[in-house]
Amino acid sequence: MSQVPGPKGLPLLGSALALRRDLLGTYERARAEFGDIVRLTAGPMTLYNVFHPDHVQHVLATNAANYRKDNQANEDIAALFGNGLLTSQDETWRGQRRIVQPIFTRNRVAAATEDMALESHRLVSRWFTSDTVDLNREMVTYAMRVVGRILFGADVDEAAAVCTDTFPVLGEYVRRRGMSPRPLPRHWPTPANRRAARARARLVGVADELVRRRRLDSSGDLLSLLLTASDPETGDRFDDVQVRDQVLVFLLAGHDTTATTLTFTLYLLARHPEVQEAVHGEVSAVLSGRLPESGDIPKLVNTAAAVKEAMRLYPPAYFVGRLTPAGDEIGGYAIPAGGTVLTSPWVTHRHPAFWDAPSAFRPERFAPDAEVGRHRYSYFPFGGGPRACIGMQFALTEAVVAVATIVQRYRLGPVRSKPSLATGITLRPAGPVLCGLSAR
């Protein structure tokens, strides 16, 4: 088997500078020049990147047992947010999944729709006197309050305030360490390590306090369900630390990715008024001026299509990395033992062999009949295989509720400029996304 092709890059550095300057563009150019499997070096690191849906399916699903989540980013996230579903592995992960899975049923998501609608109503009511909003800031606040309300019920304000202060610090810490070829040990008393430790202590403190309260006085929130849930095979339950780890992971994954999805959905609707008006027409016909309910979600087809197309163009989880301890063969190329393999929704979602006009915003791609026959892994914003995101239906419902509520009340646009992107734990805007606003 021949060696995986890729750019030579600079002596010693490889493609490190190109990746630092323009991470997403570098990967797009690598696929265009070298094909569907590309080797990139960055200092001492070698990354094997797979872009074809067949190869993505092989790594995430078909041969998933040959891959692990052993990488710097996963270790750093686990150190900060705990060993929850996002970061755990092997039997620990399987046991956690069995305990948590029943909490994320369709009925449970439907029951959470009322909380989503109440928070979206709170959001649009607050905008009443505004003619310009920062979509990025507003969607982060909305998504944090939704996941906080569902996790913590009446204690949402207390939790959301601490999360809003600490998550940016911890996210930047993980991003910087991920870009460093040899990050310093986390226990060294560097300024960055100390800032992260202080932020983590505040976050863990509020989570531990809320866990303690629920042990004394249970309610109907998700935290209470986690405290009483058990493994159907073993009967095991989470202890307080394990519950806290799950809560922190849900807060991280449940607000950051949804905020990005909503920001770019609204941004794209503002840039494409004809699509926005089609969504508004659907929302008006289905809701007739009221807040969305769980039974409305299947009827909001155009709204959901706009959300899905925004996630195609701006997937929050823009890379999904795995390590293969035993090595592998992909597309006729040998991946060495211990090799790091990256799949990239960002690149695969733009693959010209699977998407016409891949840079264009066309929600009709996700009309029900248009999705029939599409390669399952040409579109994978929630990952795939056994470790696909457990909160996928929750996130899609939350996004549809928010978009429907906003478009029903306001006309979006114009937007000031195309937002630049930050590639941290997740993809997000690098700064404010200012958008005009007018009441309908």
Protein backbone atom coordinates (compact mmCIF):
# COMPACT_ATOMS: atom_id res chain seq x y z
CA MET A 1 0.00 0.00 0.00
CA SER A 2 1.23 3.48 -0.84
CA GLN A 3 1.75 6.31 1.61
CA VAL A 4 -1.15 8.65 2.33
CA PRO A 5 -0.59 11.76 0.17
CA GLY A 6 -0.35 15.26 1.57
CA PRO A 7 1.55 18.56 1.45
CA LYS A 8 5.20 18.63 2.50
CA GLY A 9 4.83 21.87 4.38
CA LEU A 10 7.71 23.66 6.08
CA PRO A 11 10.75 21.95 7.61
CA LEU A 12 9.98 20.80 11.18
CA LEU A 13 6.67 22.72 11.23
CA GLY A 14 4.88 20.98 8.36
CA SER A 15 1.48 22.61 7.90
CA ALA A 16 1.35 24.03 11.43
CA LEU A 17 1.42 27.69 10.36
CA ALA A 18 -1.18 27.17 7.65
CA LEU A 19 -3.46 25.40 10.12
CA ARG A 20 -3.01 28.17 12.66
CA ARG A 21 -3.77 30.89 10.09
CA ASP A 22 -6.72 29.21 8.37
CA LEU A 23 -7.64 25.82 9.79
CA LEU A 24 -10.82 25.22 7.80
CA GLY A 25 -9.48 26.58 4.52
CA THR A 26 -6.33 24.48 4.83
CA TYR A 27 -8.41 21.31 5.09
CA GLU A 28 -10.62 22.31 2.17
CA ARG A 29 -7.58 22.95 -0.01
CA ALA A 30 -6.01 19.67 1.10
CA ARG A 31 -9.02 17.69 -0.11
CA ALA A 32 -9.16 19.61 -3.40
CA GLU A 33 -5.46 19.01 -4.10
CA PHE A 34 -4.79 15.56 -2.66
CA GLY A 35 -8.14 13.78 -2.58
CA ASP A 36 -10.28 12.04 0.01
CA ILE A 37 -7.50 10.81 2.32
CA VAL A 38 -4.81 13.36 3.21
CA ARG A 39 -1.88 13.31 5.60
CA LEU A 40 -1.06 16.60 7.32
CA THR A 41 1.83 17.18 9.70
CA ALA A 42 1.95 19.91 12.31
CA GLY A 43 5.24 19.86 14.17
CA PRO A 44 5.50 16.41 15.80
CA MET A 45 1.86 15.56 15.05
CA THR A 46 0.71 13.57 12.02
CA LEU A 47 -2.99 13.68 11.18
CA TYR A 48 -4.72 11.34 8.74
CA ASN A 49 -7.80 13.10 7.38
CA VAL A 50 -10.67 11.26 5.68
CA PHE A 51 -13.27 13.22 3.71
CA HIS A 52 -15.24 10.71 1.62
CA PRO A 53 -18.51 9.57 3.27
CA ASP A 54 -17.52 5.91 2.79
CA HIS A 55 -14.35 6.49 4.81
CA VAL A 56 -16.19 8.53 7.45
CA GLN A 57 -18.65 5.66 7.88
CA HIS A 58 -15.75 3.21 8.20
CA VAL A 59 -14.14 5.19 11.02
CA LEU A 60 -17.24 6.22 12.98
CA ALA A 61 -19.50 3.23 12.44
CA THR A 62 -18.39 0.12 10.54
CA ASN A 63 -14.99 -0.21 12.22
CA ALA A 64 -15.70 1.94 15.28
CA ALA A 65 -14.40 -0.78 17.62
CA ASN A 66 -10.91 -0.16 16.21
CA TYR A 67 -10.95 3.51 17.27
CA ARG A 68 -10.70 5.43 20.53
CA LYS A 69 -11.05 9.04 21.70
CA ASP A 70 -7.46 9.28 22.92
CA ASN A 71 -6.34 12.79 22.05
CA GLN A 72 -5.24 16.01 23.73
CA ALA A 73 -8.58 17.78 23.39
CA ASN A 74 -10.52 14.87 24.90
CA GLU A 75 -8.11 14.67 27.83
CA ASP A 76 -8.37 18.41 28.49
CA ILE A 77 -12.17 18.42 28.27
CA ALA A 78 -12.32 15.45 30.68
CA ALA A 79 -9.99 17.22 33.12
CA LEU A 80 -12.20 20.34 33.12
CA PHE A 81 -15.72 18.97 32.66
CA GLY A 82 -15.46 15.45 34.02
CA ASN A 83 -15.63 11.93 32.67
CA GLY A 84 -19.16 12.09 31.24
CA LEU A 85 -20.66 10.70 28.06
CA LEU A 86 -18.65 13.02 25.82
CA THR A 87 -15.23 11.93 27.10
CA SER A 88 -15.58 8.49 28.72
CA GLN A 89 -14.65 5.27 26.92
CA ASP A 90 -15.01 1.49 26.97
CA GLU A 91 -17.26 -0.08 29.62
CA THR A 92 -17.48 3.19 31.55
CA TRP A 93 -19.04 4.85 28.51
CA ARG A 94 -21.31 1.89 27.76
CA GLY A 95 -22.66 1.89 31.32
CA GLN A 96 -23.24 5.64 31.23
CA ARG A 97 -25.03 5.37 27.91
CA ARG A 98 -27.37 2.68 29.23
CA ILE A 99 -28.27 4.85 32.23
CA VAL A 100 -28.73 8.07 30.29
CA GLN A 101 -30.40 6.79 27.12
CA PRO A 102 -33.93 6.46 28.61
CA ILE A 103 -33.83 10.12 29.67
CA PHE A 104 -33.53 11.25 26.04
CA THR A 105 -36.65 9.60 24.65
CA ARG A 106 -38.95 11.38 22.20
CA ASN A 107 -41.52 11.77 24.96
CA ARG A 108 -38.97 13.47 27.17
CA VAL A 109 -37.95 15.81 24.36
CA ALA A 110 -41.61 16.59 23.74
CA ALA A 111 -42.08 17.41 27.42
CA ALA A 112 -39.10 19.80 27.25
CA THR A 113 -40.63 21.71 24.33
CA GLU A 114 -42.66 23.88 26.70
CA ASP A 115 -39.49 25.06 28.46
CA MET A 116 -37.91 25.81 25.08
CA ALA A 117 -40.95 27.81 24.03
CA LEU A 118 -41.04 29.78 27.28
CA GLU A 119 -37.38 30.74 26.92
CA SER A 120 -37.85 31.70 23.27
CA HIS A 121 -40.83 33.88 24.28
CA ARG A 122 -38.68 35.49 26.96
CA LEU A 123 -36.06 36.19 24.31
CA VAL A 124 -38.31 37.83 21.72
CA SER A 125 -40.10 39.87 24.38
CA ARG A 126 -36.77 41.31 25.48
CA TRP A 127 -36.03 42.37 21.88
CA PHE A 128 -39.17 44.48 21.58
CA THR A 129 -37.38 47.84 21.82
CA SER A 130 -34.34 46.81 19.72
CA ASP A 131 -33.63 47.48 16.06
CA THR A 132 -30.28 45.61 16.06
CA VAL A 133 -29.22 42.51 17.97
CA ASP A 134 -26.02 40.53 18.32
CA LEU A 135 -27.20 37.08 17.25
CA ASN A 136 -24.14 35.40 18.71
CA ARG A 137 -24.58 36.80 22.22
CA GLU A 138 -28.36 36.36 22.22
CA MET A 139 -28.27 32.75 21.05
CA VAL A 140 -25.60 31.81 23.60
CA THR A 141 -27.83 33.27 26.32
CA TYR A 142 -30.93 31.53 24.99
CA ALA A 143 -29.27 28.11 24.59
CA MET A 144 -27.66 28.33 28.04
CA ARG A 145 -30.99 29.18 29.66
CA VAL A 146 -32.79 26.33 27.88
CA VAL A 147 -30.33 23.64 28.89
CA GLY A 148 -30.05 25.19 32.37
CA ARG A 149 -33.84 25.25 32.82
CA ILE A 150 -34.20 21.63 31.73
CA LEU A 151 -31.30 20.49 33.89
CA PHE A 152 -31.91 22.62 36.97
CA GLY A 153 -35.51 23.84 36.81
CA ALA A 154 -36.03 26.83 39.12
CA ASP A 155 -32.27 27.18 39.73
CA VAL A 156 -31.58 28.12 36.10
CA ASP A 157 -30.54 31.72 36.87
CA GLU A 158 -27.89 30.70 39.38
CA ALA A 159 -26.37 28.07 37.09
CA ALA A 160 -26.56 30.13 33.89
CA ALA A 161 -24.70 33.07 35.42
CA VAL A 162 -21.74 30.91 36.45
CA CYS A 163 -21.68 29.04 33.13
CA THR A 164 -21.73 32.28 31.15
CA ASP A 165 -18.67 33.51 33.07
CA THR A 166 -16.63 30.30 33.06
CA PHE A 167 -17.30 28.53 29.75
CA PRO A 168 -15.46 31.08 27.55
CA VAL A 169 -12.38 30.81 29.78
CA LEU A 170 -12.39 27.01 29.71
CA GLY A 171 -13.14 26.83 25.98
CA GLU A 172 -10.24 29.13 25.11
CA TYR A 173 -7.96 27.11 27.38
CA VAL A 174 -8.77 23.88 25.53
CA ARG A 175 -8.38 25.61 22.14
CA ARG A 176 -4.92 26.96 22.94
CA ARG A 177 -3.69 23.65 24.28
CA GLY A 178 -5.06 21.88 21.23
CA MET A 179 -3.05 24.17 18.95
CA SER A 180 0.18 23.60 20.90
CA PRO A 181 2.36 20.66 19.76
CA ARG A 182 3.60 20.18 23.33
CA PRO A 183 1.23 21.71 25.88
CA LEU A 184 2.60 22.20 29.38
CA PRO A 185 1.30 19.95 32.17
CA ARG A 186 -2.01 21.17 33.54
CA HIS A 187 -0.77 21.16 37.13
CA TRP A 188 2.04 23.65 36.49
CA PRO A 189 1.14 27.07 38.00
CA THR A 190 1.14 29.01 34.73
CA PRO A 191 -1.28 31.95 34.35
CA ALA A 192 -3.41 29.99 31.86
CA ASN A 193 -3.56 26.90 34.10
CA ARG A 194 -4.49 29.01 37.11
CA ARG A 195 -7.27 30.85 35.23
CA ALA A 196 -8.70 27.55 34.06
CA ALA A 197 -8.48 26.06 37.56
CA ARG A 198 -10.35 29.03 39.06
CA ALA A 199 -13.06 28.83 36.38
CA ARG A 200 -13.43 25.10 36.86
CA ALA A 201 -13.68 25.49 40.65
CA ARG A 202 -16.59 27.93 40.26
CA LEU A 203 -18.36 25.67 37.76
CA VAL A 204 -17.90 22.52 39.83
CA GLY A 205 -18.94 24.39 42.96
CA VAL A 206 -22.35 25.41 41.62
CA ALA A 207 -22.95 21.98 40.08
CA ASP A 208 -22.08 20.18 43.33
CA GLU A 209 -24.37 22.48 45.29
CA LEU A 210 -27.29 21.80 42.95
CA VAL A 211 -26.67 18.05 43.13
CA ARG A 212 -26.69 18.30 46.94
CA ARG A 213 -30.01 20.16 46.91
CA ARG A 214 -31.65 17.60 44.62
CA ARG A 215 -30.58 14.76 46.87
CA LEU A 216 -32.55 16.51 49.63
CA ASP A 217 -35.51 17.69 47.57
CA SER A 218 -36.14 16.08 44.18
CA SER A 219 -38.07 17.84 41.42
CA GLY A 220 -38.99 17.04 37.82
CA ASP A 221 -35.84 18.42 36.22
CA LEU A 222 -33.19 16.40 34.39
CA LEU A 223 -30.83 16.56 37.36
CA SER A 224 -33.39 14.73 39.51
CA LEU A 225 -33.80 12.08 36.81
CA LEU A 226 -30.04 11.52 36.65
CA LEU A 227 -29.93 11.00 40.43
CA THR A 228 -32.52 8.21 40.26
CA ALA A 229 -31.69 6.60 36.88
CA SER A 230 -30.14 3.13 36.85
CA ASP A 231 -28.39 0.79 34.43
CA PRO A 232 -31.03 -1.68 33.18
CA GLU A 233 -28.40 -4.44 32.94
CA THR A 234 -26.50 -4.00 36.23
CA GLY A 235 -28.74 -1.82 38.37
CA ASP A 236 -25.85 0.59 38.93
CA ARG A 237 -26.61 4.25 39.62
CA PHE A 238 -24.51 7.38 39.39
CA ASP A 239 -22.91 8.74 42.56
CA ASP A 240 -22.85 12.51 43.10
CA VAL A 241 -19.55 13.05 41.25
CA GLN A 242 -20.73 10.99 38.28
CA VAL A 243 -23.98 12.97 38.15
CA ARG A 244 -22.01 16.20 38.23
CA ASP A 245 -19.80 14.98 35.37
CA GLN A 246 -22.85 14.26 33.22
CA VAL A 247 -24.38 17.64 34.07
CA LEU A 248 -21.23 19.54 33.08
CA VAL A 249 -20.97 17.68 29.78
CA PHE A 250 -24.66 18.34 29.03
CA LEU A 251 -24.12 22.03 29.77
CA LEU A 252 -21.07 22.15 27.49
CA ALA A 253 -22.52 20.18 24.60
CA GLY A 254 -26.08 21.39 25.03
CA HIS A 255 -25.53 25.12 24.85
CA ASP A 256 -22.46 25.77 22.70
CA THR A 257 -23.46 23.70 19.68
CA THR A 258 -27.09 24.87 19.71
CA ALA A 259 -26.04 28.50 20.02
CA THR A 260 -23.82 28.15 16.95
CA THR A 261 -26.59 26.43 14.99
CA LEU A 262 -29.11 29.15 15.84
CA THR A 263 -26.74 32.03 15.20
CA PHE A 264 -25.93 30.84 11.70
CA THR A 265 -29.50 29.79 10.90
CA LEU A 266 -30.74 33.29 11.70
CA TYR A 267 -27.77 34.88 9.95
CA LEU A 268 -28.48 32.91 6.78
CA LEU A 269 -32.19 33.68 6.91
CA ALA A 270 -31.34 37.37 7.22
CA ARG A 271 -29.06 37.06 4.17
CA HIS A 272 -31.76 35.22 2.18
CA PRO A 273 -35.07 37.08 2.66
CA GLU A 274 -36.93 34.82 0.22
CA VAL A 275 -36.15 31.79 2.40
CA GLN A 276 -37.01 33.75 5.52
CA GLU A 277 -40.42 34.64 4.11
CA ALA A 278 -41.09 31.00 3.19
CA VAL A 279 -40.27 29.99 6.76
CA HIS A 280 -42.47 32.81 8.10
CA GLY A 281 -45.37 31.68 5.92
CA GLU A 282 -45.09 28.13 7.24
CA VAL A 283 -44.80 29.30 10.86
CA SER A 284 -47.83 31.58 10.50
CA ALA A 285 -49.92 28.78 9.01
CA VAL A 286 -48.96 26.25 11.69
CA LEU A 287 -48.86 28.42 14.82
CA SER A 288 -51.33 31.25 14.08
CA GLY A 289 -49.48 33.55 16.47
CA ARG A 290 -49.08 31.19 19.45
CA LEU A 291 -45.96 29.59 20.88
CA PRO A 292 -44.76 26.27 19.39
CA GLU A 293 -45.88 23.03 21.03
CA SER A 294 -44.44 19.55 20.65
CA GLY A 295 -47.12 18.52 18.14
CA ASP A 296 -46.15 21.43 15.86
CA ILE A 297 -42.55 20.34 15.32
CA PRO A 298 -43.22 17.71 12.59
CA LYS A 299 -45.29 20.30 10.68
CA LEU A 300 -42.51 22.91 10.58
CA VAL A 301 -40.76 21.23 7.66
CA ASN A 302 -39.28 24.35 6.03
CA THR A 303 -38.10 25.65 9.39
CA ALA A 304 -36.31 22.39 10.16
CA ALA A 305 -34.79 22.34 6.65
CA ALA A 306 -33.30 25.80 7.19
CA VAL A 307 -31.78 24.64 10.48
CA LYS A 308 -30.31 21.50 8.89
CA GLU A 309 -28.86 23.43 5.97
CA ALA A 310 -27.26 25.90 8.38
CA MET A 311 -25.68 22.93 10.16
CA ARG A 312 -24.39 21.65 6.84
CA LEU A 313 -22.63 24.94 6.13
CA TYR A 314 -21.58 25.67 9.72
CA PRO A 315 -21.38 22.35 11.60
CA PRO A 316 -20.67 23.10 15.28
CA ALA A 317 -18.63 19.89 15.61
CA TYR A 318 -16.45 20.69 12.62
CA PHE A 319 -13.97 17.85 13.31
CA VAL A 320 -14.42 14.43 14.89
CA GLY A 321 -11.11 12.82 15.85
CA ARG A 322 -10.24 9.24 16.67
CA LEU A 323 -7.06 7.26 17.40
CA THR A 324 -6.50 3.75 16.06
CA PRO A 325 -4.26 1.76 18.46
CA ALA A 326 -3.84 -1.18 16.06
CA GLY A 327 -3.72 0.76 12.80
CA ASP A 328 -6.13 0.40 9.90
CA GLU A 329 -6.51 0.36 6.14
CA ILE A 330 -8.74 3.02 4.59
CA GLY A 331 -9.27 3.41 0.86
CA GLY A 332 -6.19 1.34 0.06
CA TYR A 333 -3.91 3.37 2.35
CA ALA A 334 -2.28 2.08 5.55
CA ILE A 335 -2.90 4.04 8.73
CA PRO A 336 -0.13 3.19 11.22
CA ALA A 337 -0.78 1.88 14.72
CA GLY A 338 -1.37 4.81 17.03
CA GLY A 339 -2.40 7.03 14.11
CA THR A 340 -4.81 9.91 14.65
CA VAL A 341 -7.65 9.95 12.11
CA LEU A 342 -9.82 13.04 11.65
CA THR A 343 -13.21 13.18 9.99
CA SER A 344 -14.45 16.63 9.06
CA PRO A 345 -18.11 17.56 8.72
CA TRP A 346 -16.91 20.97 7.51
CA VAL A 347 -15.15 19.45 4.49
CA THR A 348 -17.45 16.50 3.79
CA HIS A 349 -20.50 18.76 3.90
CA ARG A 350 -18.88 20.69 1.05
CA HIS A 351 -17.74 17.67 -0.97
CA PRO A 352 -18.60 18.49 -4.61
CA ALA A 353 -19.29 14.85 -5.44
CA PHE A 354 -22.20 14.83 -2.98
CA TRP A 355 -23.45 18.42 -2.93
CA ASP A 356 -24.34 20.65 -5.87
CA ALA A 357 -23.21 24.26 -5.37
CA PRO A 358 -21.88 23.21 -1.96
CA SER A 359 -21.31 26.77 -0.68
CA ALA A 360 -24.88 27.90 -1.44
CA PHE A 361 -27.61 28.09 1.21
CA ARG A 362 -30.37 25.84 -0.13
CA PRO A 363 -32.70 24.48 2.57
CA GLU A 364 -34.63 22.54 -0.07
CA ARG A 365 -31.80 20.00 0.10
CA PHE A 366 -33.49 18.81 3.30
CA ALA A 367 -37.02 18.48 2.04
CA PRO A 368 -38.17 14.94 2.93
CA ASP A 369 -38.02 13.62 -0.64
CA ALA A 370 -34.61 15.24 -1.26
CA GLU A 371 -33.00 13.31 1.59
CA VAL A 372 -33.99 9.91 0.19
CA GLY A 373 -30.97 8.10 -1.23
CA ARG A 374 -28.38 10.52 0.16
CA HIS A 375 -25.28 8.87 1.59
CA ARG A 376 -25.78 8.62 5.36
CA TYR A 377 -22.33 10.05 6.02
CA SER A 378 -22.34 12.88 3.49
CA TYR A 379 -24.05 14.82 6.30
CA PHE A 380 -23.13 14.05 9.90
CA PRO A 381 -23.35 17.17 12.11
CA PHE A 382 -24.13 14.95 15.12
CA GLY A 383 -21.37 12.42 14.43
CA GLY A 384 -22.33 8.84 13.75
CA GLY A 385 -22.04 5.23 14.77
CA PRO A 386 -22.34 4.11 18.40
CA ARG A 387 -21.10 7.49 19.68
CA ALA A 388 -23.53 9.66 17.72
CA CYS A 389 -24.82 12.57 19.80
CA ILE A 390 -27.45 11.39 22.25
CA GLY A 391 -29.06 14.84 22.29
CA MET A 392 -29.63 15.15 18.53
CA GLN A 393 -33.44 15.27 18.67
CA PHE A 394 -33.32 17.61 21.64
CA ALA A 395 -31.03 20.03 19.78
CA LEU A 396 -33.06 20.01 16.57
CA THR A 397 -36.31 20.60 18.45
CA GLU A 398 -34.80 23.46 20.43
CA ALA A 399 -33.51 25.12 17.26
CA VAL A 400 -36.84 24.79 15.42
CA VAL A 401 -38.73 26.23 18.40
CA ALA A 402 -36.43 29.23 18.61
CA VAL A 403 -36.38 29.97 14.88
CA ALA A 404 -40.16 29.66 14.61
CA THR A 405 -40.73 31.98 17.57
CA ILE A 406 -38.29 34.61 16.33
CA VAL A 407 -39.39 34.64 12.69
CA GLN A 408 -43.03 34.80 13.75
CA ARG A 409 -42.40 38.05 15.64
CA TYR A 410 -39.55 39.73 13.70
CA ARG A 411 -38.16 40.28 10.25
CA LEU A 412 -34.40 39.70 10.31
CA GLY A 413 -31.93 41.78 8.31
CA PRO A 414 -29.84 43.27 7.13
CA VAL A 415 -26.66 41.81 8.60
CA ARG A 416 -23.61 44.04 8.85
CA SER A 417 -21.00 41.63 7.50
CA LYS A 418 -20.08 37.97 7.14
CA PRO A 419 -18.87 36.74 10.53
CA SER A 420 -15.36 35.42 10.96
CA LEU A 421 -15.07 31.99 12.56
CA ALA A 422 -13.37 30.72 15.70
CA THR A 423 -12.34 27.07 15.83
CA GLY A 424 -12.31 26.14 19.50
CA ILE A 425 -13.96 23.12 21.15
CA THR A 426 -16.74 23.83 18.68
CA LEU A 427 -17.15 26.12 15.69
CA ARG A 428 -18.55 29.53 16.61
CA PRO A 429 -18.48 33.15 15.47
CA ALA A 430 -15.29 34.95 16.46
CA GLY A 431 -17.21 38.06 17.50
CA PRO A 432 -20.60 39.77 17.38
CA VAL A 433 -23.01 38.94 14.56
CA LEU A 434 -25.01 42.15 14.26
CA CYS A 435 -28.38 41.84 12.58
CA GLY A 436 -31.15 44.32 11.91
CA LEU A 437 -34.53 43.64 13.47
CA SER A 438 -38.03 44.88 12.72
CA ALA A 439 -41.32 43.80 14.27
CA ARG A 440 -43.77 42.06 11.93
